[in-house]
PDB file of all heavy atoms in Angstrom:
ATOM      1  N   ALA A   1     -56.610 -34.122  31.426  1.00  0.00           N
ATOM      2  CA  ALA A   1     -57.659 -35.015  31.931  1.00  0.00           C
ATOM      3  C   ALA A   1     -57.747 -36.293  31.141  1.00  0.00           C
ATOM      4  O   ALA A   1     -57.266 -36.342  29.954  1.00  0.00           O
ATOM      5  CB  ALA A   1     -59.012 -34.323  31.865  1.00  0.00           C
ATOM      6  N   TRP A   2     -58.317 -37.315  31.722  1.00  0.00           N
ATOM      7  CA  TRP A   2     -58.705 -38.531  31.067  1.00  0.00           C
ATOM      8  C   TRP A   2     -60.248 -38.618  31.138  1.00  0.00           C
ATOM      9  O   TRP A   2     -60.809 -38.455  32.229  1.00  0.00           O
ATOM     10  CB  TRP A   2     -58.095 -39.793  31.726  1.00  0.00           C
ATOM     11  CG  TRP A   2     -56.643 -39.923  31.500  1.00  0.00           C
ATOM     12  CD1 TRP A   2     -55.588 -39.457  32.267  1.00  0.00           C
ATOM     13  CD2 TRP A   2     -56.032 -40.581  30.391  1.00  0.00           C
ATOM     14  NE1 TRP A   2     -54.379 -39.761  31.726  1.00  0.00           N
ATOM     15  CE2 TRP A   2     -54.617 -40.510  30.551  1.00  0.00           C
ATOM     16  CE3 TRP A   2     -56.502 -41.205  29.263  1.00  0.00           C
ATOM     17  CZ2 TRP A   2     -53.694 -41.034  29.645  1.00  0.00           C
ATOM     18  CZ3 TRP A   2     -55.633 -41.770  28.325  1.00  0.00           C
ATOM     19  CH2 TRP A   2     -54.212 -41.662  28.532  1.00  0.00           C
ATOM     20  N   PHE A   3     -60.800 -38.871  29.994  1.00  0.00           N
ATOM     21  CA  PHE A   3     -62.245 -39.129  29.884  1.00  0.00           C
ATOM     22  C   PHE A   3     -62.399 -40.541  29.386  1.00  0.00           C
ATOM     23  O   PHE A   3     -61.442 -41.110  28.828  1.00  0.00           O
ATOM     24  CB  PHE A   3     -62.897 -38.163  28.902  1.00  0.00           C
ATOM     25  CG  PHE A   3     -63.116 -36.742  29.442  1.00  0.00           C
ATOM     26  CD1 PHE A   3     -62.077 -35.851  29.542  1.00  0.00           C
ATOM     27  CD2 PHE A   3     -64.421 -36.332  29.773  1.00  0.00           C
ATOM     28  CE1 PHE A   3     -62.251 -34.582  30.004  1.00  0.00           C
ATOM     29  CE2 PHE A   3     -64.619 -35.094  30.258  1.00  0.00           C
ATOM     30  CZ  PHE A   3     -63.610 -34.191  30.400  1.00  0.00           C
ATOM     31  N   ARG A   4     -63.571 -41.093  29.524  1.00  0.00           N
ATOM     32  CA  ARG A   4     -63.876 -42.376  28.948  1.00  0.00           C
ATOM     33  C   ARG A   4     -65.338 -42.351  28.390  1.00  0.00           C
ATOM     34  O   ARG A   4     -66.173 -41.628  28.893  1.00  0.00           O
ATOM     35  CB  ARG A   4     -63.718 -43.513  29.952  1.00  0.00           C
ATOM     36  CG  ARG A   4     -64.699 -43.510  31.130  1.00  0.00           C
ATOM     37  CD  ARG A   4     -64.345 -44.628  32.093  1.00  0.00           C
ATOM     38  NE  ARG A   4     -65.272 -44.678  33.207  1.00  0.00           N
ATOM     39  CZ  ARG A   4     -65.118 -45.452  34.230  1.00  0.00           C
ATOM     40  NH1 ARG A   4     -64.034 -46.245  34.343  1.00  0.00           N
ATOM     41  NH2 ARG A   4     -66.003 -45.469  35.254  1.00  0.00           N
ATOM     42  N   GLN A   5     -65.503 -43.231  27.393  1.00  0.00           N
ATOM     43  CA  GLN A   5     -66.805 -43.307  26.783  1.00  0.00           C
ATOM     44  C   GLN A   5     -67.086 -44.796  26.460  1.00  0.00           C
ATOM     45  O   GLN A   5     -66.368 -45.446  25.718  1.00  0.00           O
ATOM     46  CB  GLN A   5     -66.914 -42.498  25.481  1.00  0.00           C
ATOM     47  CG  GLN A   5     -68.277 -42.438  24.951  1.00  0.00           C
ATOM     48  CD  GLN A   5     -68.407 -41.358  23.846  1.00  0.00           C
ATOM     49  OE1 GLN A   5     -67.425 -40.823  23.267  1.00  0.00           O
ATOM     50  NE2 GLN A   5     -69.633 -40.972  23.557  1.00  0.00           N
ATOM     51  N   ALA A   6     -68.173 -45.299  27.113  1.00  0.00           N
ATOM     52  CA  ALA A   6     -68.606 -46.645  26.839  1.00  0.00           C
ATOM     53  C   ALA A   6     -69.691 -46.640  25.738  1.00  0.00           C
ATOM     54  O   ALA A   6     -70.300 -45.597  25.556  1.00  0.00           O
ATOM     55  CB  ALA A   6     -69.217 -47.251  28.147  1.00  0.00           C
ATOM     56  N   PRO A   7     -69.882 -47.739  25.035  1.00  0.00           N
ATOM     57  CA  PRO A   7     -70.898 -47.738  23.945  1.00  0.00           C
ATOM     58  C   PRO A   7     -72.242 -47.318  24.485  1.00  0.00           C
ATOM     59  O   PRO A   7     -72.729 -47.790  25.482  1.00  0.00           O
ATOM     60  CB  PRO A   7     -70.887 -49.237  23.545  1.00  0.00           C
ATOM     61  CG  PRO A   7     -69.545 -49.711  23.853  1.00  0.00           C
ATOM     62  CD  PRO A   7     -69.114 -48.993  25.146  1.00  0.00           C
ATOM     63  N   GLY A   8     -72.871 -46.346  23.761  1.00  0.00           N
ATOM     64  CA  GLY A   8     -74.184 -45.891  24.101  1.00  0.00           C
ATOM     65  C   GLY A   8     -74.249 -44.924  25.309  1.00  0.00           C
ATOM     66  O   GLY A   8     -75.375 -44.568  25.715  1.00  0.00           O
ATOM     67  N   LYS A   9     -73.082 -44.565  25.793  1.00  0.00           N
ATOM     68  CA  LYS A   9     -73.057 -43.673  26.976  1.00  0.00           C
ATOM     69  C   LYS A   9     -72.373 -42.352  26.576  1.00  0.00           C
ATOM     70  O   LYS A   9     -71.549 -42.243  25.626  1.00  0.00           O
ATOM     71  CB  LYS A   9     -72.381 -44.333  28.134  1.00  0.00           C
ATOM     72  CG  LYS A   9     -73.153 -45.534  28.691  1.00  0.00           C
ATOM     73  CD  LYS A   9     -72.612 -46.003  29.944  1.00  0.00           C
ATOM     74  CE  LYS A   9     -73.425 -47.139  30.562  1.00  0.00           C
ATOM     75  NZ  LYS A   9     -72.891 -47.598  31.884  1.00  0.00           N
ATOM     76  N   GLU A  10     -72.541 -41.378  27.457  1.00  0.00           N
ATOM     77  CA  GLU A  10     -71.861 -40.034  27.285  1.00  0.00           C
ATOM     78  C   GLU A  10     -70.402 -40.202  27.707  1.00  0.00           C
ATOM     79  O   GLU A  10     -70.020 -41.060  28.542  1.00  0.00           O
ATOM     80  CB  GLU A  10     -72.546 -39.033  28.177  1.00  0.00           C
ATOM     81  CG  GLU A  10     -73.924 -38.643  27.777  1.00  0.00           C
ATOM     82  CD  GLU A  10     -73.993 -37.905  26.477  1.00  0.00           C
ATOM     83  OE1 GLU A  10     -73.178 -36.982  26.260  1.00  0.00           O
ATOM     84  OE2 GLU A  10     -74.860 -38.216  25.644  1.00  0.00           O
ATOM     85  N   ARG A  11     -69.553 -39.328  27.097  1.00  0.00           N
ATOM     86  CA  ARG A  11     -68.183 -39.298  27.556  1.00  0.00           C
ATOM     87  C   ARG A  11     -68.122 -38.656  28.887  1.00  0.00           C
ATOM     88  O   ARG A  11     -68.713 -37.595  29.151  1.00  0.00           O
ATOM     89  CB  ARG A  11     -67.358 -38.511  26.523  1.00  0.00           C
ATOM     90  CG  ARG A  11     -65.823 -38.655  26.686  1.00  0.00           C
ATOM     91  CD  ARG A  11     -65.119 -37.973  25.560  1.00  0.00           C
ATOM     92  NE  ARG A  11     -65.422 -38.655  24.307  1.00  0.00           N
ATOM     93  CZ  ARG A  11     -64.761 -38.354  23.160  1.00  0.00           C
ATOM     94  NH1 ARG A  11     -63.743 -37.456  23.181  1.00  0.00           N
ATOM     95  NH2 ARG A  11     -65.050 -38.987  22.068  1.00  0.00           N
ATOM     96  N   GLU A  12     -67.471 -39.300  29.841  1.00  0.00           N
ATOM     97  CA  GLU A  12     -67.359 -38.837  31.195  1.00  0.00           C
ATOM     98  C   GLU A  12     -65.948 -38.608  31.707  1.00  0.00           C
ATOM     99  O   GLU A  12     -65.049 -39.340  31.307  1.00  0.00           O
ATOM    100  CB  GLU A  12     -68.059 -39.859  32.114  1.00  0.00           C
ATOM    101  CG  GLU A  12     -67.417 -41.199  32.184  1.00  0.00           C
ATOM    102  CD  GLU A  12     -68.091 -42.097  33.216  1.00  0.00           C
ATOM    103  OE1 GLU A  12     -69.036 -41.736  33.910  1.00  0.00           O
ATOM    104  OE2 GLU A  12     -67.614 -43.309  33.352  1.00  0.00           O
ATOM    105  N   LEU A  13     -65.819 -37.674  32.611  1.00  0.00           N
ATOM    106  CA  LEU A  13     -64.517 -37.384  33.202  1.00  0.00           C
ATOM    107  C   LEU A  13     -64.140 -38.537  34.154  1.00  0.00           C
ATOM    108  O   LEU A  13     -64.935 -38.954  34.980  1.00  0.00           O
ATOM    109  CB  LEU A  13     -64.566 -36.065  33.953  1.00  0.00           C
ATOM    110  CG  LEU A  13     -63.223 -35.689  34.711  1.00  0.00           C
ATOM    111  CD1 LEU A  13     -62.163 -35.319  33.716  1.00  0.00           C
ATOM    112  CD2 LEU A  13     -63.521 -34.598  35.690  1.00  0.00           C
ATOM    113  N   VAL A  14     -62.881 -38.979  34.018  1.00  0.00           N
ATOM    114  CA  VAL A  14     -62.321 -39.951  34.878  1.00  0.00           C
ATOM    115  C   VAL A  14     -61.395 -39.316  35.916  1.00  0.00           C
ATOM    116  O   VAL A  14     -61.476 -39.547  37.138  1.00  0.00           O
ATOM    117  CB  VAL A  14     -61.549 -41.068  34.090  1.00  0.00           C
ATOM    118  CG1 VAL A  14     -60.846 -42.040  35.038  1.00  0.00           C
ATOM    119  CG2 VAL A  14     -62.463 -41.769  33.137  1.00  0.00           C
ATOM    120  N   ALA A  15     -60.502 -38.473  35.418  1.00  0.00           N
ATOM    121  CA  ALA A  15     -59.548 -37.824  36.313  1.00  0.00           C
ATOM    122  C   ALA A  15     -58.991 -36.581  35.634  1.00  0.00           C
ATOM    123  O   ALA A  15     -58.923 -36.553  34.391  1.00  0.00           O
ATOM    124  CB  ALA A  15     -58.395 -38.750  36.695  1.00  0.00           C
ATOM    125  N   ALA A  16     -58.598 -35.593  36.415  1.00  0.00           N
ATOM    126  CA  ALA A  16     -58.001 -34.402  35.893  1.00  0.00           C
ATOM    127  C   ALA A  16     -56.860 -33.945  36.811  1.00  0.00           C
ATOM    128  O   ALA A  16     -56.877 -34.254  38.003  1.00  0.00           O
ATOM    129  CB  ALA A  16     -59.031 -33.288  35.774  1.00  0.00           C
ATOM    130  N   ILE A  17     -55.890 -33.247  36.245  1.00  0.00           N
ATOM    131  CA  ILE A  17     -54.743 -32.785  36.967  1.00  0.00           C
ATOM    132  C   ILE A  17     -54.224 -31.479  36.462  1.00  0.00           C
ATOM    133  O   ILE A  17     -54.302 -31.226  35.224  1.00  0.00           O
ATOM    134  CB  ILE A  17     -53.632 -33.850  36.986  1.00  0.00           C
ATOM    135  CG1 ILE A  17     -52.488 -33.522  37.940  1.00  0.00           C
ATOM    136  CG2 ILE A  17     -53.106 -34.041  35.564  1.00  0.00           C
ATOM    137  CD1 ILE A  17     -51.516 -34.675  38.164  1.00  0.00           C
ATOM    138  N   ARG A  18     -53.767 -30.598  37.338  1.00  0.00           N
ATOM    139  CA  ARG A  18     -53.075 -29.432  36.943  1.00  0.00           C
ATOM    140  C   ARG A  18     -51.906 -29.177  37.890  1.00  0.00           C
ATOM    141  O   ARG A  18     -52.011 -29.534  39.085  1.00  0.00           O
ATOM    142  CB  ARG A  18     -53.977 -28.193  36.949  1.00  0.00           C
ATOM    143  CG  ARG A  18     -54.591 -27.829  38.258  1.00  0.00           C
ATOM    144  CD  ARG A  18     -55.395 -26.551  38.163  1.00  0.00           C
ATOM    145  NE  ARG A  18     -56.162 -26.258  39.391  1.00  0.00           N
ATOM    146  CZ  ARG A  18     -55.690 -25.659  40.442  1.00  0.00           C
ATOM    147  NH1 ARG A  18     -54.411 -25.269  40.504  1.00  0.00           N
ATOM    148  NH2 ARG A  18     -56.473 -25.461  41.484  1.00  0.00           N
ATOM    149  N   TRP A  19     -50.797 -28.662  37.345  1.00  0.00           N
ATOM    150  CA  TRP A  19     -49.651 -28.429  38.172  1.00  0.00           C
ATOM    151  C   TRP A  19     -49.538 -26.906  38.464  1.00  0.00           C
ATOM    152  O   TRP A  19     -49.807 -26.123  37.586  1.00  0.00           O
ATOM    153  CB  TRP A  19     -48.403 -28.852  37.400  1.00  0.00           C
ATOM    154  CG  TRP A  19     -48.135 -30.314  37.432  1.00  0.00           C
ATOM    155  CD1 TRP A  19     -47.439 -31.003  38.361  1.00  0.00           C
ATOM    156  CD2 TRP A  19     -48.623 -31.300  36.481  1.00  0.00           C
ATOM    157  NE1 TRP A  19     -47.435 -32.328  38.079  1.00  0.00           N
ATOM    158  CE2 TRP A  19     -48.143 -32.530  36.914  1.00  0.00           C
ATOM    159  CE3 TRP A  19     -49.414 -31.213  35.364  1.00  0.00           C
ATOM    160  CZ2 TRP A  19     -48.429 -33.710  36.275  1.00  0.00           C
ATOM    161  CZ3 TRP A  19     -49.687 -32.383  34.687  1.00  0.00           C
ATOM    162  CH2 TRP A  19     -49.212 -33.634  35.116  1.00  0.00           C
ATOM    163  N   SER A  20     -49.075 -26.626  39.671  1.00  0.00           N
ATOM    164  CA  SER A  20     -48.741 -25.265  40.029  1.00  0.00           C
ATOM    165  C   SER A  20     -47.272 -25.103  40.161  1.00  0.00           C
ATOM    166  O   SER A  20     -46.748 -24.038  40.451  1.00  0.00           O
ATOM    167  CB  SER A  20     -49.416 -24.843  41.369  1.00  0.00           C
ATOM    168  OG  SER A  20     -49.057 -25.739  42.405  1.00  0.00           O
ATOM    169  N   GLY A  21     -46.531 -26.123  39.921  1.00  0.00           N
ATOM    170  CA  GLY A  21     -45.080 -26.203  39.939  1.00  0.00           C
ATOM    171  C   GLY A  21     -44.741 -27.620  39.539  1.00  0.00           C
ATOM    172  O   GLY A  21     -45.632 -28.439  39.317  1.00  0.00           O
ATOM    173  N   ARG A  22     -43.501 -27.898  39.303  1.00  0.00           N
ATOM    174  CA  ARG A  22     -43.093 -29.209  38.851  1.00  0.00           C
ATOM    175  C   ARG A  22     -43.488 -30.263  39.821  1.00  0.00           C
ATOM    176  O   ARG A  22     -43.865 -31.435  39.386  1.00  0.00           O
ATOM    177  CB  ARG A  22     -41.588 -29.224  38.617  1.00  0.00           C
ATOM    178  CG  ARG A  22     -41.059 -30.529  38.006  1.00  0.00           C
ATOM    179  CD  ARG A  22     -39.627 -30.388  37.613  1.00  0.00           C
ATOM    180  NE  ARG A  22     -39.442 -29.533  36.436  1.00  0.00           N
ATOM    181  CZ  ARG A  22     -39.163 -30.027  35.232  1.00  0.00           C
ATOM    182  NH1 ARG A  22     -39.039 -31.292  35.028  1.00  0.00           N
ATOM    183  NH2 ARG A  22     -39.013 -29.214  34.225  1.00  0.00           N
ATOM    184  N   ASP A  23     -43.521 -30.004  41.117  1.00  0.00           N
ATOM    185  CA  ASP A  23     -43.740 -31.023  42.104  1.00  0.00           C
ATOM    186  C   ASP A  23     -45.070 -30.811  42.874  1.00  0.00           C
ATOM    187  O   ASP A  23     -45.355 -31.545  43.814  1.00  0.00           O
ATOM    188  CB  ASP A  23     -42.584 -31.133  43.145  1.00  0.00           C
ATOM    189  CG  ASP A  23     -41.311 -31.493  42.445  1.00  0.00           C
ATOM    190  OD1 ASP A  23     -41.332 -32.401  41.617  1.00  0.00           O
ATOM    191  OD2 ASP A  23     -40.253 -30.866  42.784  1.00  0.00           O
ATOM    192  N   THR A  24     -45.805 -29.805  42.507  1.00  0.00           N
ATOM    193  CA  THR A  24     -47.053 -29.510  43.170  1.00  0.00           C
ATOM    194  C   THR A  24     -48.212 -29.545  42.223  1.00  0.00           C
ATOM    195  O   THR A  24     -48.207 -28.915  41.135  1.00  0.00           O
ATOM    196  CB  THR A  24     -46.975 -28.066  43.778  1.00  0.00           C
ATOM    197  OG1 THR A  24     -45.818 -27.925  44.661  1.00  0.00           O
ATOM    198  CG2 THR A  24     -48.219 -27.806  44.595  1.00  0.00           C
ATOM    199  N   PHE A  25     -49.244 -30.287  42.566  1.00  0.00           N
ATOM    200  CA  PHE A  25     -50.310 -30.500  41.635  1.00  0.00           C
ATOM    201  C   PHE A  25     -51.621 -30.676  42.349  1.00  0.00           C
ATOM    202  O   PHE A  25     -51.627 -30.929  43.547  1.00  0.00           O
ATOM    203  CB  PHE A  25     -50.058 -31.662  40.710  1.00  0.00           C
ATOM    204  CG  PHE A  25     -49.959 -32.984  41.431  1.00  0.00           C
ATOM    205  CD1 PHE A  25     -51.116 -33.756  41.657  1.00  0.00           C
ATOM    206  CD2 PHE A  25     -48.775 -33.463  41.895  1.00  0.00           C
ATOM    207  CE1 PHE A  25     -50.976 -34.960  42.347  1.00  0.00           C
ATOM    208  CE2 PHE A  25     -48.635 -34.651  42.593  1.00  0.00           C
ATOM    209  CZ  PHE A  25     -49.797 -35.420  42.802  1.00  0.00           C
ATOM    210  N   TYR A  26     -52.662 -30.513  41.643  1.00  0.00           N
ATOM    211  CA  TYR A  26     -54.035 -30.754  42.132  1.00  0.00           C
ATOM    212  C   TYR A  26     -54.646 -31.783  41.239  1.00  0.00           C
ATOM    213  O   TYR A  26     -54.615 -31.646  39.996  1.00  0.00           O
ATOM    214  CB  TYR A  26     -54.886 -29.509  42.180  1.00  0.00           C
ATOM    215  CG  TYR A  26     -56.307 -29.734  42.493  1.00  0.00           C
ATOM    216  CD1 TYR A  26     -56.742 -29.995  43.786  1.00  0.00           C
ATOM    217  CD2 TYR A  26     -57.279 -29.869  41.437  1.00  0.00           C
ATOM    218  CE1 TYR A  26     -58.075 -30.266  44.064  1.00  0.00           C
ATOM    219  CE2 TYR A  26     -58.605 -30.144  41.744  1.00  0.00           C
ATOM    220  CZ  TYR A  26     -59.001 -30.372  43.050  1.00  0.00           C
ATOM    221  OH  TYR A  26     -60.325 -30.650  43.314  1.00  0.00           O
ATOM    222  N   ALA A  27     -55.195 -32.868  41.791  1.00  0.00           N
ATOM    223  CA  ALA A  27     -55.841 -33.912  41.004  1.00  0.00           C
ATOM    224  C   ALA A  27     -57.246 -34.168  41.545  1.00  0.00           C
ATOM    225  O   ALA A  27     -57.471 -34.016  42.720  1.00  0.00           O
ATOM    226  CB  ALA A  27     -55.020 -35.166  40.979  1.00  0.00           C
ATOM    227  N   ASP A  28     -58.144 -34.535  40.682  1.00  0.00           N
ATOM    228  CA  ASP A  28     -59.491 -34.910  41.081  1.00  0.00           C
ATOM    229  C   ASP A  28     -59.919 -36.137  40.290  1.00  0.00           C
ATOM    230  O   ASP A  28     -59.500 -36.346  39.153  1.00  0.00           O
ATOM    231  CB  ASP A  28     -60.461 -33.710  40.852  1.00  0.00           C
ATOM    232  CG  ASP A  28     -61.746 -33.915  41.615  1.00  0.00           C
ATOM    233  OD1 ASP A  28     -61.811 -34.704  42.548  1.00  0.00           O
ATOM    234  OD2 ASP A  28     -62.716 -33.208  41.265  1.00  0.00           O
ATOM    235  N   TYR A  29     -60.849 -36.856  40.847  1.00  0.00           N
ATOM    236  CA  TYR A  29     -61.257 -38.131  40.257  1.00  0.00           C
ATOM    237  C   TYR A  29     -62.782 -38.300  40.344  1.00  0.00           C
ATOM    238  O   TYR A  29     -63.444 -37.776  41.244  1.00  0.00           O
ATOM    239  CB  TYR A  29     -60.640 -39.289  41.036  1.00  0.00           C
ATOM    240  CG  TYR A  29     -59.133 -39.303  40.988  1.00  0.00           C
ATOM    241  CD1 TYR A  29     -58.392 -38.605  42.003  1.00  0.00           C
ATOM    242  CD2 TYR A  29     -58.423 -39.968  40.037  1.00  0.00           C
ATOM    243  CE1 TYR A  29     -57.019 -38.616  41.945  1.00  0.00           C
ATOM    244  CE2 TYR A  29     -57.016 -39.966  39.963  1.00  0.00           C
ATOM    245  CZ  TYR A  29     -56.352 -39.281  40.925  1.00  0.00           C
ATOM    246  OH  TYR A  29     -55.011 -39.257  40.877  1.00  0.00           O
ATOM    247  N   ALA A  30     -63.294 -39.046  39.383  1.00  0.00           N
ATOM    248  CA  ALA A  30     -64.671 -39.483  39.427  1.00  0.00           C
ATOM    249  C   ALA A  30     -64.818 -40.374  40.682  1.00  0.00           C
ATOM    250  O   ALA A  30     -63.912 -41.181  40.962  1.00  0.00           O
ATOM    251  CB  ALA A  30     -65.073 -40.159  38.181  1.00  0.00           C
ATOM    252  N   LEU A  31     -65.992 -40.343  41.261  1.00  0.00           N
ATOM    253  CA  LEU A  31     -66.161 -41.184  42.476  1.00  0.00           C
ATOM    254  C   LEU A  31     -66.037 -42.663  42.113  1.00  0.00           C
ATOM    255  O   LEU A  31     -65.549 -43.447  42.964  1.00  0.00           O
ATOM    256  CB  LEU A  31     -67.594 -40.932  43.046  1.00  0.00           C
ATOM    257  CG  LEU A  31     -67.778 -39.585  43.759  1.00  0.00           C
ATOM    258  CD1 LEU A  31     -69.211 -39.411  44.178  1.00  0.00           C
ATOM    259  CD2 LEU A  31     -66.858 -39.475  44.966  1.00  0.00           C
ATOM    260  N   SER A  32     -66.396 -43.036  40.937  1.00  0.00           N
ATOM    261  CA  SER A  32     -66.327 -44.490  40.576  1.00  0.00           C
ATOM    262  C   SER A  32     -64.930 -45.008  40.460  1.00  0.00           C
ATOM    263  O   SER A  32     -64.764 -46.211  40.491  1.00  0.00           O
ATOM    264  CB  SER A  32     -67.071 -44.669  39.254  1.00  0.00           C
ATOM    265  OG  SER A  32     -66.444 -43.927  38.243  1.00  0.00           O
ATOM    266  N   VAL A  33     -63.944 -44.135  40.390  1.00  0.00           N
ATOM    267  CA  VAL A  33     -62.542 -44.609  40.226  1.00  0.00           C
ATOM    268  C   VAL A  33     -61.670 -44.158  41.358  1.00  0.00           C
ATOM    269  O   VAL A  33     -60.475 -44.578  41.409  1.00  0.00           O
ATOM    270  CB  VAL A  33     -61.975 -44.165  38.876  1.00  0.00           C
ATOM    271  CG1 VAL A  33     -62.818 -44.520  37.720  1.00  0.00           C
ATOM    272  CG2 VAL A  33     -61.627 -42.650  38.869  1.00  0.00           C
ATOM    273  N   LYS A  34     -62.144 -43.320  42.243  1.00  0.00           N
ATOM    274  CA  LYS A  34     -61.307 -42.818  43.331  1.00  0.00           C
ATOM    275  C   LYS A  34     -60.821 -43.955  44.164  1.00  0.00           C
ATOM    276  O   LYS A  34     -61.575 -44.875  44.563  1.00  0.00           O
ATOM    277  CB  LYS A  34     -62.164 -41.841  44.166  1.00  0.00           C
ATOM    278  CG  LYS A  34     -61.335 -41.000  45.146  1.00  0.00           C
ATOM    279  CD  LYS A  34     -62.160 -39.864  45.728  1.00  0.00           C
ATOM    280  CE  LYS A  34     -62.425 -38.749  44.777  1.00  0.00           C
ATOM    281  NZ  LYS A  34     -63.058 -37.570  45.379  1.00  0.00           N
ATOM    282  N   GLY A  35     -59.499 -43.908  44.437  1.00  0.00           N
ATOM    283  CA  GLY A  35     -58.865 -44.970  45.219  1.00  0.00           C
ATOM    284  C   GLY A  35     -58.349 -46.136  44.358  1.00  0.00           C
ATOM    285  O   GLY A  35     -57.592 -46.957  44.847  1.00  0.00           O
ATOM    286  N   ARG A  36     -58.760 -46.193  43.102  1.00  0.00           N
ATOM    287  CA  ARG A  36     -58.303 -47.216  42.178  1.00  0.00           C
ATOM    288  C   ARG A  36     -57.417 -46.650  41.060  1.00  0.00           C
ATOM    289  O   ARG A  36     -56.501 -47.343  40.590  1.00  0.00           O
ATOM    290  CB  ARG A  36     -59.490 -47.987  41.566  1.00  0.00           C
ATOM    291  CG  ARG A  36     -60.395 -48.653  42.568  1.00  0.00           C
ATOM    292  CD  ARG A  36     -61.399 -49.527  41.815  1.00  0.00           C
ATOM    293  NE  ARG A  36     -62.279 -48.779  40.956  1.00  0.00           N
ATOM    294  CZ  ARG A  36     -62.471 -49.016  39.660  1.00  0.00           C
ATOM    295  NH1 ARG A  36     -61.792 -49.952  39.052  1.00  0.00           N
ATOM    296  NH2 ARG A  36     -63.333 -48.262  38.972  1.00  0.00           N
ATOM    297  N   PHE A  37     -57.738 -45.486  40.620  1.00  0.00           N
ATOM    298  CA  PHE A  37     -57.000 -44.856  39.531  1.00  0.00           C
ATOM    299  C   PHE A  37     -56.139 -43.716  40.011  1.00  0.00           C
ATOM    300  O   PHE A  37     -56.518 -43.018  40.961  1.00  0.00           O
ATOM    301  CB  PHE A  37     -57.986 -44.292  38.452  1.00  0.00           C
ATOM    302  CG  PHE A  37     -58.749 -45.332  37.618  1.00  0.00           C
ATOM    303  CD1 PHE A  37     -58.742 -46.684  38.034  1.00  0.00           C
ATOM    304  CD2 PHE A  37     -59.456 -44.968  36.551  1.00  0.00           C
ATOM    305  CE1 PHE A  37     -59.500 -47.629  37.315  1.00  0.00           C
ATOM    306  CE2 PHE A  37     -60.179 -45.879  35.812  1.00  0.00           C
ATOM    307  CZ  PHE A  37     -60.184 -47.232  36.202  1.00  0.00           C
ATOM    308  N   THR A  38     -55.022 -43.470  39.360  1.00  0.00           N
ATOM    309  CA  THR A  38     -54.123 -42.365  39.684  1.00  0.00           C
ATOM    310  C   THR A  38     -53.679 -41.667  38.414  1.00  0.00           C
ATOM    311  O   THR A  38     -53.124 -42.339  37.508  1.00  0.00           O
ATOM    312  CB  THR A  38     -52.889 -42.838  40.519  1.00  0.00           C
ATOM    313  OG1 THR A  38     -53.349 -43.487  41.655  1.00  0.00           O
ATOM    314  CG2 THR A  38     -52.083 -41.632  40.868  1.00  0.00           C
ATOM    315  N   ILE A  39     -53.888 -40.394  38.336  1.00  0.00           N
ATOM    316  CA  ILE A  39     -53.373 -39.597  37.236  1.00  0.00           C
ATOM    317  C   ILE A  39     -52.035 -38.914  37.637  1.00  0.00           C
ATOM    318  O   ILE A  39     -51.914 -38.497  38.778  1.00  0.00           O
ATOM    319  CB  ILE A  39     -54.401 -38.526  36.798  1.00  0.00           C
ATOM    320  CG1 ILE A  39     -53.991 -37.807  35.503  1.00  0.00           C
ATOM    321  CG2 ILE A  39     -54.711 -37.521  37.905  1.00  0.00           C
ATOM    322  CD1 ILE A  39     -55.074 -36.954  34.884  1.00  0.00           C
TER     323      ILE A  39
END
């Protein structure tokens, strides 16, 4: 996963990924970055 923390704020999840095989994976994103960030 990638988390981020801005000054004075809690650390929040940005994106996470897990593989079930070399070419098969599941990824999820925070709503604020979905469509802009790729893990």
